[in-house]
Amino acid sequence: MDEVIARALAAAEEKFFVAGGPGGQNVNKVATAVQMRVNVFAIGLSPEAYHRLVELAGSKLTKDGEIVLTAREYRTQEQNREAARVRLTALLEDALTPPRKRAKSRLNRVGKVQRLKAKKVRGAVKAGRGKVDW
């Protein structure tokens, strides 16, 4: 998992641009926001992980297979670059982690009886509603 994340960070292209937000007058002069682009096919994911990544990335994934992350919440390039890398790492870790299988719950006989009894009571309450005939 670590080598996949390392490959993704190595393949990432970063572009800095001027962004609004905190920074005072400095915000108009310095390009602090970062846009990180990573080609999904260059990472070398398994098909299952790729499909999970496509699902998780959503609108961050372009038609060309690039994940585009934008970080502009901090005042410095370094902090925004780190924020984008943290987001990319979290996204890849979620995609590389297979979902856990759901264990079927087993209900015993007493539980079934109680459930059916509760359904009858609820049905009776609902049947009691409606138009009243005077």
Protein backbone atom coordinates (compact mmCIF):
# COMPACT_ATOMS: atom_id res chain seq x y z
CA MET A 1 0.00 0.00 0.00
CA ASP A 2 2.83 2.39 0.84
CA GLU A 3 4.55 1.83 -2.51
CA VAL A 4 1.33 2.67 -4.38
CA ILE A 5 0.97 5.91 -2.42
CA ALA A 6 4.65 6.72 -3.02
CA ARG A 7 4.16 6.14 -6.78
CA ALA A 8 1.10 8.41 -6.76
CA LEU A 9 2.93 11.20 -4.95
CA ALA A 10 5.84 10.87 -7.37
CA ALA A 11 3.51 11.00 -10.38
CA ALA A 12 1.60 14.02 -9.05
CA GLU A 13 1.88 17.29 -10.91
CA GLU A 14 1.46 20.43 -8.82
CA LYS A 15 0.48 23.81 -10.17
CA PHE A 16 0.22 26.91 -8.00
CA PHE A 17 -2.23 29.73 -8.60
CA VAL A 18 -3.55 32.85 -6.91
CA ALA A 19 -6.52 32.14 -4.66
CA GLY A 20 -8.82 34.15 -2.46
CA GLY A 21 -9.22 33.61 1.25
CA PRO A 22 -6.92 34.40 4.17
CA GLY A 23 -3.73 36.30 3.54
CA GLY A 24 -4.58 39.98 3.49
CA GLN A 25 -2.88 41.99 0.74
CA ASN A 26 -0.46 39.13 0.21
CA VAL A 27 -3.25 36.99 -1.27
CA ASN A 28 -3.36 39.16 -4.40
CA LYS A 29 0.39 38.85 -5.04
CA VAL A 30 1.42 35.30 -4.19
CA ALA A 31 0.24 32.05 -5.80
CA THR A 32 -0.41 29.96 -2.69
CA ALA A 33 -3.22 27.63 -3.79
CA VAL A 34 -2.18 24.30 -5.27
CA GLN A 35 -3.90 22.13 -7.85
CA MET A 36 -2.59 18.57 -7.78
CA ARG A 37 -3.20 16.25 -10.74
CA VAL A 38 -2.48 12.53 -10.63
CA ASN A 39 -2.98 10.13 -13.52
CA VAL A 40 -4.80 7.10 -12.11
CA PHE A 41 -3.35 4.77 -14.73
CA ALA A 42 0.23 5.75 -13.82
CA ILE A 43 -0.30 4.57 -10.25
CA GLY A 44 -0.79 0.93 -11.19
CA LEU A 45 -3.80 -0.09 -9.10
CA SER A 46 -5.52 -3.46 -9.13
CA PRO A 47 -8.90 -3.48 -10.93
CA GLU A 48 -10.84 -3.72 -7.65
CA ALA A 49 -8.94 -0.81 -6.10
CA TYR A 50 -9.35 1.19 -9.32
CA HIS A 51 -13.14 0.78 -9.25
CA ARG A 52 -13.25 1.77 -5.57
CA LEU A 53 -11.12 4.83 -6.36
CA VAL A 54 -13.43 5.87 -9.21
CA GLU A 55 -16.39 5.56 -6.84
CA LEU A 56 -14.67 7.51 -4.05
CA ALA A 57 -13.17 10.25 -6.25
CA GLY A 58 -16.49 11.16 -7.86
CA SER A 59 -16.28 14.59 -9.51
CA LYS A 60 -12.56 14.88 -8.70
CA LEU A 61 -11.85 12.36 -11.47
CA THR A 62 -11.69 13.68 -15.05
CA LYS A 63 -12.57 11.81 -18.24
CA ASP A 64 -8.85 11.47 -18.97
CA GLY A 65 -8.34 9.49 -15.75
CA GLU A 66 -6.78 12.27 -13.69
CA ILE A 67 -7.64 13.01 -10.09
CA VAL A 68 -7.69 16.77 -9.54
CA LEU A 69 -7.34 18.02 -5.96
CA THR A 70 -7.30 21.70 -5.05
CA ALA A 71 -6.05 23.01 -1.71
CA ARG A 72 -6.37 26.68 -0.87
CA GLU A 73 -7.24 26.84 2.81
CA TYR A 74 -3.80 27.90 4.07
CA ARG A 75 -1.67 31.00 3.55
CA THR A 76 1.48 29.27 2.32
CA GLN A 77 2.32 27.01 -0.60
CA GLU A 78 3.92 24.44 1.67
CA GLN A 79 0.84 24.05 3.86
CA ASN A 80 -1.50 23.81 0.85
CA ARG A 81 0.82 21.29 -0.83
CA GLU A 82 0.83 19.19 2.33
CA ALA A 83 -2.98 19.41 2.60
CA ALA A 84 -3.37 18.19 -1.00
CA ARG A 85 -0.94 15.32 -0.39
CA VAL A 86 -2.79 14.31 2.78
CA ARG A 87 -6.10 14.29 0.86
CA LEU A 88 -4.60 12.19 -1.94
CA THR A 89 -3.11 9.75 0.56
CA ALA A 90 -6.44 9.39 2.38
CA LEU A 91 -8.28 8.84 -0.91
CA LEU A 92 -5.84 6.14 -2.00
CA GLU A 93 -5.85 4.42 1.40
CA ASP A 94 -9.65 4.23 1.28
CA ALA A 95 -9.52 2.82 -2.25
CA LEU A 96 -6.83 0.25 -1.39
CA THR A 97 -8.69 -1.01 1.68
CA PRO A 98 -11.19 -3.70 0.62
CA PRO A 99 -14.63 -3.44 2.20
CA ARG A 100 -15.34 -5.80 5.06
CA LYS A 101 -17.82 -8.57 4.38
CA ARG A 102 -21.11 -8.19 6.18
CA ALA A 103 -21.82 -11.05 8.56
CA LYS A 104 -25.40 -12.25 8.35
CA SER A 105 -27.24 -11.83 11.60
CA ARG A 106 -29.09 -14.82 12.95
CA LEU A 107 -32.32 -14.35 14.81
CA ASN A 108 -33.47 -17.01 17.25
CA ARG A 109 -37.06 -18.27 17.56
CA VAL A 110 -37.95 -15.97 20.46
CA GLY A 111 -36.67 -12.96 18.54
CA LYS A 112 -38.81 -13.90 15.53
CA VAL A 113 -41.91 -14.25 17.69
CA GLN A 114 -41.29 -10.89 19.35
CA ARG A 115 -40.76 -9.21 15.98
CA LEU A 116 -43.98 -10.62 14.53
CA LYS A 117 -45.88 -9.65 17.70
CA ALA A 118 -44.57 -6.06 17.43
CA LYS A 119 -45.65 -5.99 13.77
CA LYS A 120 -49.18 -7.07 14.73
CA VAL A 121 -49.37 -4.36 17.40
CA ARG A 122 -48.14 -1.71 14.97
CA GLY A 123 -50.61 -2.91 12.33
CA ALA A 124 -53.45 -2.68 14.84
CA VAL A 125 -52.45 0.90 15.71
CA LYS A 126 -52.42 1.86 12.06
CA ALA A 127 -55.72 0.07 11.39
CA GLY A 128 -57.27 2.10 14.21
CA ARG A 129 -56.48 5.29 12.36
CA GLY A 130 -58.71 6.62 9.66
CA LYS A 131 -62.18 8.04 9.27
CA VAL A 132 -64.38 7.82 12.33
CA ASP A 133 -67.97 6.82 11.63
CA TRP A 134 -70.32 8.73 13.88
